[in-house]
Every structure is written in C-alpha cells, then in structure tokens.
Amino acid sequence: MLSTLLNPFQDTLLPLGEWIEAVVEWLVENYRWFFQLIRLSIIGLLNGIEHFFVAMPQVVFLMLLGAIAWQIAGRRLAILSVLGI
C-alpha cells in the first residue's frame, strides 16, 4: 500500500506505441496521394541530378569541383580535392 502511495503511476502505462501506429495507419490510408506526390517529386529530383552527373564528362566534373573548392576554401584544398578524386 505504501508503494502505491509513493508511486501512483507504477501500474499505469500509456499505450503510446498503439496510438502512434493508429495515427500513422490513418495518415497513410487518408493521405496516400499526398505521400505519393512527395515521393514522386523527390524521385524526379534525384533522377535529374543523377542524369546531370552521369552525362557530365569526368574532366568537367573535376574542374567544377576544383573551382568550387578553390572559391570556398582556397587553392590548397582545391588541389587536394582534385587529386583525391
């Protein structure tokens, strides 16, 4: 009895896991179109970036990397960045 008075919430558990699972399930069922729109937008963006880098010649990429590193951090890091690739 004394332990119940000192810790009244000992046996009280909130089913947070079940609540969160129910909310996520409801969101997926009712807003699937929204999540699909976000997914397709991100996939399109990533595919565009991938095609850009795949189509770019390696020499151009190295020059671009060196120029960006030179502008941001200086000549020494630019040289090390190009040599590191």
PDB file of N, CA and C in Angstrom:
ATOM      1  N   MET A   1       0.819  -1.187   0.000  1.00  0.00           N
ATOM      2  CA  MET A   1       0.000   0.000   0.000  1.00  0.00           C
ATOM      3  C   MET A   1       0.861   1.249   0.000  1.00  0.00           C
ATOM      4  N   LEU A   2       1.955   1.207   0.751  1.00  0.00           N
ATOM      5  CA  LEU A   2       2.838   2.368   0.816  1.00  0.00           C
ATOM      6  C   LEU A   2       3.502   2.635  -0.536  1.00  0.00           C
ATOM      7  N   SER A   3       3.861   1.548  -1.257  1.00  0.00           N
ATOM      8  CA  SER A   3       4.482   1.751  -2.567  1.00  0.00           C
ATOM      9  C   SER A   3       3.493   2.356  -3.557  1.00  0.00           C
ATOM     10  N   THR A   4       2.218   2.051  -3.398  1.00  0.00           N
ATOM     11  CA  THR A   4       1.193   2.634  -4.259  1.00  0.00           C
ATOM     12  C   THR A   4       1.027   4.115  -3.971  1.00  0.00           C
ATOM     13  N   LEU A   5       1.145   4.489  -2.733  1.00  0.00           N
ATOM     14  CA  LEU A   5       1.031   5.905  -2.383  1.00  0.00           C
ATOM     15  C   LEU A   5       2.247   6.695  -2.844  1.00  0.00           C
ATOM     16  N   LEU A   6       3.421   6.081  -2.775  1.00  0.00           N
ATOM     17  CA  LEU A   6       4.642   6.784  -3.171  1.00  0.00           C
ATOM     18  C   LEU A   6       4.799   6.875  -4.690  1.00  0.00           C
ATOM     19  N   ASN A   7       4.286   5.895  -5.399  1.00  0.00           N
ATOM     20  CA  ASN A   7       4.404   5.876  -6.853  1.00  0.00           C
ATOM     21  C   ASN A   7       3.045   5.509  -7.454  1.00  0.00           C
ATOM     22  N   PRO A   8       2.129   6.482  -7.578  1.00  0.00           N
ATOM     23  CA  PRO A   8       0.772   6.156  -8.026  1.00  0.00           C
ATOM     24  C   PRO A   8       0.693   5.738  -9.499  1.00  0.00           C
ATOM     25  N   PHE A   9       1.706   6.038 -10.288  1.00  0.00           N
ATOM     26  CA  PHE A   9       1.659   5.719 -11.715  1.00  0.00           C
ATOM     27  C   PHE A   9       2.444   4.456 -12.048  1.00  0.00           C
ATOM     28  N   GLN A  10       2.749   3.663 -11.057  1.00  0.00           N
ATOM     29  CA  GLN A  10       3.552   2.470 -11.251  1.00  0.00           C
ATOM     30  C   GLN A  10       2.885   1.494 -12.219  1.00  0.00           C
ATOM     31  N   ASP A  11       1.607   1.281 -12.084  1.00  0.00           N
ATOM     32  CA  ASP A  11       0.903   0.312 -12.920  1.00  0.00           C
ATOM     33  C   ASP A  11       0.183   0.956 -14.097  1.00  0.00           C
ATOM     34  N   THR A  12       0.278   2.249 -14.233  1.00  0.00           N
ATOM     35  CA  THR A  12      -0.407   2.952 -15.304  1.00  0.00           C
ATOM     36  C   THR A  12       0.545   3.135 -16.478  1.00  0.00           C
ATOM     37  N   LEU A  13       0.217   2.518 -17.586  1.00  0.00           N
ATOM     38  CA  LEU A  13       1.022   2.642 -18.797  1.00  0.00           C
ATOM     39  C   LEU A  13       0.164   3.229 -19.908  1.00  0.00           C
ATOM     40  N   LEU A  14       0.724   4.164 -20.619  1.00  0.00           N
ATOM     41  CA  LEU A  14       0.022   4.732 -21.767  1.00  0.00           C
ATOM     42  C   LEU A  14       0.410   3.933 -23.006  1.00  0.00           C
ATOM     43  N   PRO A  15      -0.555   3.527 -23.795  1.00  0.00           N
ATOM     44  CA  PRO A  15      -0.243   2.749 -24.998  1.00  0.00           C
ATOM     45  C   PRO A  15       0.204   3.658 -26.154  1.00  0.00           C
ATOM     46  N   LEU A  16       1.320   4.357 -25.960  1.00  0.00           N
ATOM     47  CA  LEU A  16       1.782   5.303 -26.978  1.00  0.00           C
ATOM     48  C   LEU A  16       2.093   4.614 -28.297  1.00  0.00           C
ATOM     49  N   GLY A  17       2.694   3.439 -28.235  1.00  0.00           N
ATOM     50  CA  GLY A  17       3.022   2.716 -29.462  1.00  0.00           C
ATOM     51  C   GLY A  17       1.791   2.418 -30.295  1.00  0.00           C
ATOM     52  N   GLU A  18       0.742   1.973 -29.641  1.00  0.00           N
ATOM     53  CA  GLU A  18      -0.502   1.668 -30.356  1.00  0.00           C
ATOM     54  C   GLU A  18      -1.130   2.936 -30.919  1.00  0.00           C
ATOM     55  N   TRP A  19      -1.082   4.027 -30.153  1.00  0.00           N
ATOM     56  CA  TRP A  19      -1.652   5.287 -30.629  1.00  0.00           C
ATOM     57  C   TRP A  19      -0.899   5.792 -31.851  1.00  0.00           C
ATOM     58  N   ILE A  20       0.410   5.762 -31.790  1.00  0.00           N
ATOM     59  CA  ILE A  20       1.214   6.250 -32.915  1.00  0.00           C
ATOM     60  C   ILE A  20       0.990   5.375 -34.136  1.00  0.00           C
ATOM     61  N   GLU A  21       0.921   4.074 -33.938  1.00  0.00           N
ATOM     62  CA  GLU A  21       0.662   3.165 -35.052  1.00  0.00           C
ATOM     63  C   GLU A  21      -0.696   3.446 -35.686  1.00  0.00           C
ATOM     64  N   ALA A  22      -1.699   3.721 -34.875  1.00  0.00           N
ATOM     65  CA  ALA A  22      -3.034   4.028 -35.397  1.00  0.00           C
ATOM     66  C   ALA A  22      -3.032   5.338 -36.176  1.00  0.00           C
ATOM     67  N   VAL A  23      -2.320   6.346 -35.671  1.00  0.00           N
ATOM     68  CA  VAL A  23      -2.251   7.639 -36.366  1.00  0.00           C
ATOM     69  C   VAL A  23      -1.538   7.483 -37.702  1.00  0.00           C
ATOM     70  N   VAL A  24      -0.422   6.748 -37.712  1.00  0.00           N
ATOM     71  CA  VAL A  24       0.323   6.553 -38.959  1.00  0.00           C
ATOM     72  C   VAL A  24      -0.524   5.782 -39.961  1.00  0.00           C
ATOM     73  N   GLU A  25      -1.217   4.757 -39.508  1.00  0.00           N
ATOM     74  CA  GLU A  25      -2.081   3.989 -40.402  1.00  0.00           C
ATOM     75  C   GLU A  25      -3.188   4.864 -40.979  1.00  0.00           C
ATOM     76  N   TRP A  26      -3.787   5.720 -40.146  1.00  0.00           N
ATOM     77  CA  TRP A  26      -4.839   6.621 -40.621  1.00  0.00           C
ATOM     78  C   TRP A  26      -4.289   7.607 -41.646  1.00  0.00           C
ATOM     79  N   LEU A  27      -3.094   8.157 -41.361  1.00  0.00           N
ATOM     80  CA  LEU A  27      -2.485   9.103 -42.296  1.00  0.00           C
ATOM     81  C   LEU A  27      -2.205   8.445 -43.641  1.00  0.00           C
ATOM     82  N   VAL A  28      -1.680   7.236 -43.607  1.00  0.00           N
ATOM     83  CA  VAL A  28      -1.363   6.542 -44.856  1.00  0.00           C
ATOM     84  C   VAL A  28      -2.632   6.235 -45.635  1.00  0.00           C
ATOM     85  N   GLU A  29      -3.671   5.807 -44.956  1.00  0.00           N
ATOM     86  CA  GLU A  29      -4.921   5.483 -45.648  1.00  0.00           C
ATOM     87  C   GLU A  29      -5.578   6.719 -46.251  1.00  0.00           C
ATOM     88  N   ASN A  30      -5.564   7.835 -45.535  1.00  0.00           N
ATOM     89  CA  ASN A  30      -6.308   9.011 -45.978  1.00  0.00           C
ATOM     90  C   ASN A  30      -5.492   9.989 -46.813  1.00  0.00           C
ATOM     91  N   TYR A  31      -4.190   9.955 -46.705  1.00  0.00           N
ATOM     92  CA  TYR A  31      -3.355  10.912 -47.427  1.00  0.00           C
ATOM     93  C   TYR A  31      -2.300  10.220 -48.279  1.00  0.00           C
ATOM     94  N   ARG A  32      -2.620   9.035 -48.779  1.00  0.00           N
ATOM     95  CA  ARG A  32      -1.681   8.301 -49.624  1.00  0.00           C
ATOM     96  C   ARG A  32      -1.293   9.126 -50.851  1.00  0.00           C
ATOM     97  N   TRP A  33      -2.242   9.822 -51.434  1.00  0.00           N
ATOM     98  CA  TRP A  33      -1.977  10.629 -52.623  1.00  0.00           C
ATOM     99  C   TRP A  33      -0.924  11.689 -52.329  1.00  0.00           C
ATOM    100  N   PHE A  34      -0.974  12.273 -51.152  1.00  0.00           N
ATOM    101  CA  PHE A  34      -0.016  13.312 -50.784  1.00  0.00           C
ATOM    102  C   PHE A  34       1.385  12.727 -50.632  1.00  0.00           C
ATOM    103  N   PHE A  35       1.485  11.590 -49.966  1.00  0.00           N
ATOM    104  CA  PHE A  35       2.784  10.954 -49.786  1.00  0.00           C
ATOM    105  C   PHE A  35       3.343  10.459 -51.120  1.00  0.00           C
ATOM    106  N   GLN A  36       2.468   9.992 -52.006  1.00  0.00           N
ATOM    107  CA  GLN A  36       2.921   9.574 -53.335  1.00  0.00           C
ATOM    108  C   GLN A  36       3.433  10.773 -54.129  1.00  0.00           C
ATOM    109  N   LEU A  37       2.774  11.914 -53.991  1.00  0.00           N
ATOM    110  CA  LEU A  37       3.211  13.132 -54.669  1.00  0.00           C
ATOM    111  C   LEU A  37       4.592  13.551 -54.183  1.00  0.00           C
ATOM    112  N   ILE A  38       4.798  13.515 -52.878  1.00  0.00           N
ATOM    113  CA  ILE A  38       6.114  13.845 -52.326  1.00  0.00           C
ATOM    114  C   ILE A  38       7.159  12.852 -52.819  1.00  0.00           C
ATOM    115  N   ARG A  39       6.815  11.557 -52.796  1.00  0.00           N
ATOM    116  CA  ARG A  39       7.754  10.523 -53.235  1.00  0.00           C
ATOM    117  C   ARG A  39       8.139  10.714 -54.699  1.00  0.00           C
ATOM    118  N   LEU A  40       7.151  10.959 -55.546  1.00  0.00           N
ATOM    119  CA  LEU A  40       7.437  11.134 -56.970  1.00  0.00           C
ATOM    120  C   LEU A  40       8.247  12.402 -57.225  1.00  0.00           C
ATOM    121  N   SER A  41       7.985  13.452 -56.471  1.00  0.00           N
ATOM    122  CA  SER A  41       8.759  14.686 -56.622  1.00  0.00           C
ATOM    123  C   SER A  41      10.219  14.464 -56.249  1.00  0.00           C
ATOM    124  N   ILE A  42      10.454  13.776 -55.154  1.00  0.00           N
ATOM    125  CA  ILE A  42      11.830  13.515 -54.719  1.00  0.00           C
ATOM    126  C   ILE A  42      12.534  12.590 -55.697  1.00  0.00           C
ATOM    127  N   ILE A  43      11.840  11.559 -56.177  1.00  0.00           N
ATOM    128  CA  ILE A  43      12.442  10.644 -57.150  1.00  0.00           C
ATOM    129  C   ILE A  43      12.790  11.394 -58.428  1.00  0.00           C
ATOM    130  N   GLY A  44      11.897  12.272 -58.888  1.00  0.00           N
ATOM    131  CA  GLY A  44      12.184  13.052 -60.092  1.00  0.00           C
ATOM    132  C   GLY A  44      13.385  13.960 -59.918  1.00  0.00           C
ATOM    133  N   LEU A  45      13.478  14.608 -58.773  1.00  0.00           N
ATOM    134  CA  LEU A  45      14.618  15.479 -58.493  1.00  0.00           C
ATOM    135  C   LEU A  45      15.921  14.687 -58.452  1.00  0.00           C
ATOM    136  N   LEU A  46      15.916  13.567 -57.750  1.00  0.00           N
ATOM    137  CA  LEU A  46      17.132  12.757 -57.649  1.00  0.00           C
ATOM    138  C   LEU A  46      17.530  12.158 -58.994  1.00  0.00           C
ATOM    139  N   ASN A  47      16.553  11.745 -59.793  1.00  0.00           N
ATOM    140  CA  ASN A  47      16.871  11.227 -61.127  1.00  0.00           C
ATOM    141  C   ASN A  47      17.475  12.318 -62.010  1.00  0.00           C
ATOM    142  N   GLY A  48      16.958  13.538 -61.903  1.00  0.00           N
ATOM    143  CA  GLY A  48      17.525  14.646 -62.671  1.00  0.00           C
ATOM    144  C   GLY A  48      18.961  14.936 -62.278  1.00  0.00           C
ATOM    145  N   ILE A  49      19.236  14.939 -60.976  1.00  0.00           N
ATOM    146  CA  ILE A  49      20.609  15.164 -60.509  1.00  0.00           C
ATOM    147  C   ILE A  49      21.520  14.038 -60.984  1.00  0.00           C
ATOM    148  N   GLU A  50      21.028  12.803 -60.906  1.00  0.00           N
ATOM    149  CA  GLU A  50      21.831  11.661 -61.355  1.00  0.00           C
ATOM    150  C   GLU A  50      22.145  11.757 -62.844  1.00  0.00           C
ATOM    151  N   HIS A  51      21.149  12.089 -63.659  1.00  0.00           N
ATOM    152  CA  HIS A  51      21.381  12.206 -65.102  1.00  0.00           C
ATOM    153  C   HIS A  51      22.362  13.338 -65.408  1.00  0.00           C
ATOM    154  N   PHE A  52      22.289  14.414 -64.639  1.00  0.00           N
ATOM    155  CA  PHE A  52      23.213  15.530 -64.829  1.00  0.00           C
ATOM    156  C   PHE A  52      24.650  15.083 -64.600  1.00  0.00           C
ATOM    157  N   PHE A  53      24.884  14.370 -63.498  1.00  0.00           N
ATOM    158  CA  PHE A  53      26.245  13.950 -63.195  1.00  0.00           C
ATOM    159  C   PHE A  53      26.724  12.814 -64.093  1.00  0.00           C
ATOM    160  N   VAL A  54      25.833  11.942 -64.528  1.00  0.00           N
ATOM    161  CA  VAL A  54      26.227  10.852 -65.420  1.00  0.00           C
ATOM    162  C   VAL A  54      26.583  11.400 -66.800  1.00  0.00           C
ATOM    163  N   ALA A  55      25.861  12.407 -67.261  1.00  0.00           N
ATOM    164  CA  ALA A  55      26.112  12.967 -68.583  1.00  0.00           C
ATOM    165  C   ALA A  55      27.345  13.866 -68.611  1.00  0.00           C
ATOM    166  N   MET A  56      27.777  14.346 -67.459  1.00  0.00           N
ATOM    167  CA  MET A  56      28.914  15.267 -67.395  1.00  0.00           C
ATOM    168  C   MET A  56      30.230  14.495 -67.550  1.00  0.00           C
ATOM    169  N   PRO A  57      31.106  14.957 -68.438  1.00  0.00           N
ATOM    170  CA  PRO A  57      32.419  14.316 -68.549  1.00  0.00           C
ATOM    171  C   PRO A  57      33.204  14.458 -67.242  1.00  0.00           C
ATOM    172  N   GLN A  58      34.074  13.488 -66.982  1.00  0.00           N
ATOM    173  CA  GLN A  58      34.820  13.480 -65.726  1.00  0.00           C
ATOM    174  C   GLN A  58      35.737  14.686 -65.593  1.00  0.00           C
ATOM    175  N   VAL A  59      36.318  15.116 -66.695  1.00  0.00           N
ATOM    176  CA  VAL A  59      37.230  16.260 -66.643  1.00  0.00           C
ATOM    177  C   VAL A  59      36.469  17.523 -66.239  1.00  0.00           C
ATOM    178  N   VAL A  60      35.274  17.688 -66.773  1.00  0.00           N
ATOM    179  CA  VAL A  60      34.459  18.855 -66.427  1.00  0.00           C
ATOM    180  C   VAL A  60      34.075  18.800 -64.947  1.00  0.00           C
ATOM    181  N   PHE A  61      33.744  17.611 -64.458  1.00  0.00           N
ATOM    182  CA  PHE A  61      33.407  17.471 -63.042  1.00  0.00           C
ATOM    183  C   PHE A  61      34.599  17.823 -62.162  1.00  0.00           C
ATOM    184  N   LEU A  62      35.786  17.359 -62.528  1.00  0.00           N
ATOM    185  CA  LEU A  62      36.985  17.682 -61.748  1.00  0.00           C
ATOM    186  C   LEU A  62      37.260  19.181 -61.755  1.00  0.00           C
ATOM    187  N   MET A  63      37.088  19.819 -62.907  1.00  0.00           N
ATOM    188  CA  MET A  63      37.301  21.268 -62.977  1.00  0.00           C
ATOM    189  C   MET A  63      36.268  22.007 -62.120  1.00  0.00           C
ATOM    190  N   LEU A  64      35.029  21.571 -62.184  1.00  0.00           N
ATOM    191  CA  LEU A  64      33.973  22.184 -61.380  1.00  0.00           C
ATOM    192  C   LEU A  64      34.236  21.985 -59.887  1.00  0.00           C
ATOM    193  N   LEU A  65      34.624  20.788 -59.505  1.00  0.00           N
ATOM    194  CA  LEU A  65      34.945  20.510 -58.106  1.00  0.00           C
ATOM    195  C   LEU A  65      36.109  21.370 -57.637  1.00  0.00           C
ATOM    196  N   GLY A  66      37.142  21.468 -58.454  1.00  0.00           N
ATOM    197  CA  GLY A  66      38.290  22.298 -58.097  1.00  0.00           C
ATOM    198  C   GLY A  66      37.920  23.768 -57.971  1.00  0.00           C
ATOM    199  N   ALA A  67      37.084  24.265 -58.879  1.00  0.00           N
ATOM    200  CA  ALA A  67      36.683  25.675 -58.829  1.00  0.00           C
ATOM    201  C   ALA A  67      35.846  25.974 -57.582  1.00  0.00           C
ATOM    202  N   ILE A  68      34.938  25.074 -57.254  1.00  0.00           N
ATOM    203  CA  ILE A  68      34.111  25.287 -56.056  1.00  0.00           C
ATOM    204  C   ILE A  68      34.967  25.234 -54.801  1.00  0.00           C
ATOM    205  N   ALA A  69      35.858  24.245 -54.714  1.00  0.00           N
ATOM    206  CA  ALA A  69      36.728  24.134 -53.538  1.00  0.00           C
ATOM    207  C   ALA A  69      37.656  25.340 -53.440  1.00  0.00           C
ATOM    208  N   TRP A  70      38.139  25.834 -54.568  1.00  0.00           N
ATOM    209  CA  TRP A  70      39.028  26.996 -54.565  1.00  0.00           C
ATOM    210  C   TRP A  70      38.296  28.240 -54.053  1.00  0.00           C
ATOM    211  N   GLN A  71      37.052  28.428 -54.499  1.00  0.00           N
ATOM    212  CA  GLN A  71      36.282  29.596 -54.070  1.00  0.00           C
ATOM    213  C   GLN A  71      35.902  29.519 -52.591  1.00  0.00           C
ATOM    214  N   ILE A  72      35.618  28.324 -52.115  1.00  0.00           N
ATOM    215  CA  ILE A  72      35.170  28.178 -50.728  1.00  0.00           C
ATOM    216  C   ILE A  72      36.339  28.138 -49.756  1.00  0.00           C
ATOM    217  N   ALA A  73      37.393  27.374 -50.088  1.00  0.00           N
ATOM    218  CA  ALA A  73      38.421  27.114 -49.073  1.00  0.00           C
ATOM    219  C   ALA A  73      39.841  27.465 -49.497  1.00  0.00           C
ATOM    220  N   GLY A  74      40.047  27.809 -50.735  1.00  0.00           N
ATOM    221  CA  GLY A  74      41.399  28.185 -51.137  1.00  0.00           C
ATOM    222  C   GLY A  74      42.036  27.194 -52.096  1.00  0.00           C
ATOM    223  N   ARG A  75      43.205  27.621 -52.592  1.00  0.00           N
ATOM    224  CA  ARG A  75      43.888  26.858 -53.634  1.00  0.00           C
ATOM    225  C   ARG A  75      44.359  25.494 -53.141  1.00  0.00           C
ATOM    226  N   ARG A  76      44.851  25.437 -51.917  1.00  0.00           N
ATOM    227  CA  ARG A  76      45.404  24.186 -51.406  1.00  0.00           C
ATOM    228  C   ARG A  76      44.335  23.085 -51.318  1.00  0.00           C
ATOM    229  N   LEU A  77      43.166  23.421 -50.788  1.00  0.00           N
ATOM    230  CA  LEU A  77      42.095  22.432 -50.700  1.00  0.00           C
ATOM    231  C   LEU A  77      41.575  22.066 -52.090  1.00  0.00           C
ATOM    232  N   ALA A  78      41.583  23.008 -53.015  1.00  0.00           N
ATOM    233  CA  ALA A  78      41.147  22.708 -54.379  1.00  0.00           C
ATOM    234  C   ALA A  78      42.061  21.665 -55.005  1.00  0.00           C
ATOM    235  N   ILE A  79      43.355  21.838 -54.837  1.00  0.00           N
ATOM    236  CA  ILE A  79      44.311  20.871 -55.394  1.00  0.00           C
ATOM    237  C   ILE A  79      44.128  19.511 -54.733  1.00  0.00           C
ATOM    238  N   LEU A  80      43.987  19.503 -53.420  1.00  0.00           N
ATOM    239  CA  LEU A  80      43.800  18.237 -52.711  1.00  0.00           C
ATOM    240  C   LEU A  80      42.480  17.564 -53.091  1.00  0.00           C
ATOM    241  N   SER A  81      41.432  18.336 -53.331  1.00  0.00           N
ATOM    242  CA  SER A  81      40.141  17.769 -53.725  1.00  0.00           C
ATOM    243  C   SER A  81      40.229  17.105 -55.089  1.00  0.00           C
ATOM    244  N   VAL A  82      40.878  17.773 -56.017  1.00  0.00           N
ATOM    245  CA  VAL A  82      41.008  17.212 -57.366  1.00  0.00           C
ATOM    246  C   VAL A  82      41.900  15.975 -57.343  1.00  0.00           C
ATOM    247  N   LEU A  83      42.989  16.033 -56.593  1.00  0.00           N
ATOM    248  CA  LEU A  83      43.877  14.874 -56.519  1.00  0.00           C
ATOM    249  C   LEU A  83      43.234  13.719 -55.753  1.00  0.00           C
ATOM    250  N   GLY A  84      42.368  14.030 -54.810  1.00  0.00           N
ATOM    251  CA  GLY A  84      41.709  12.987 -54.030  1.00  0.00           C
ATOM    252  C   GLY A  84      40.683  12.203 -54.823  1.00  0.00           C
ATOM    253  N   ILE A  85      40.133  12.807 -55.825  1.00  0.00           N
ATOM    254  CA  ILE A  85      39.150  12.112 -56.663  1.00  0.00           C
ATOM    255  C   ILE A  85      39.904  11.294 -57.671  1.00  0.00           C
TER     256      ILE A  85
END
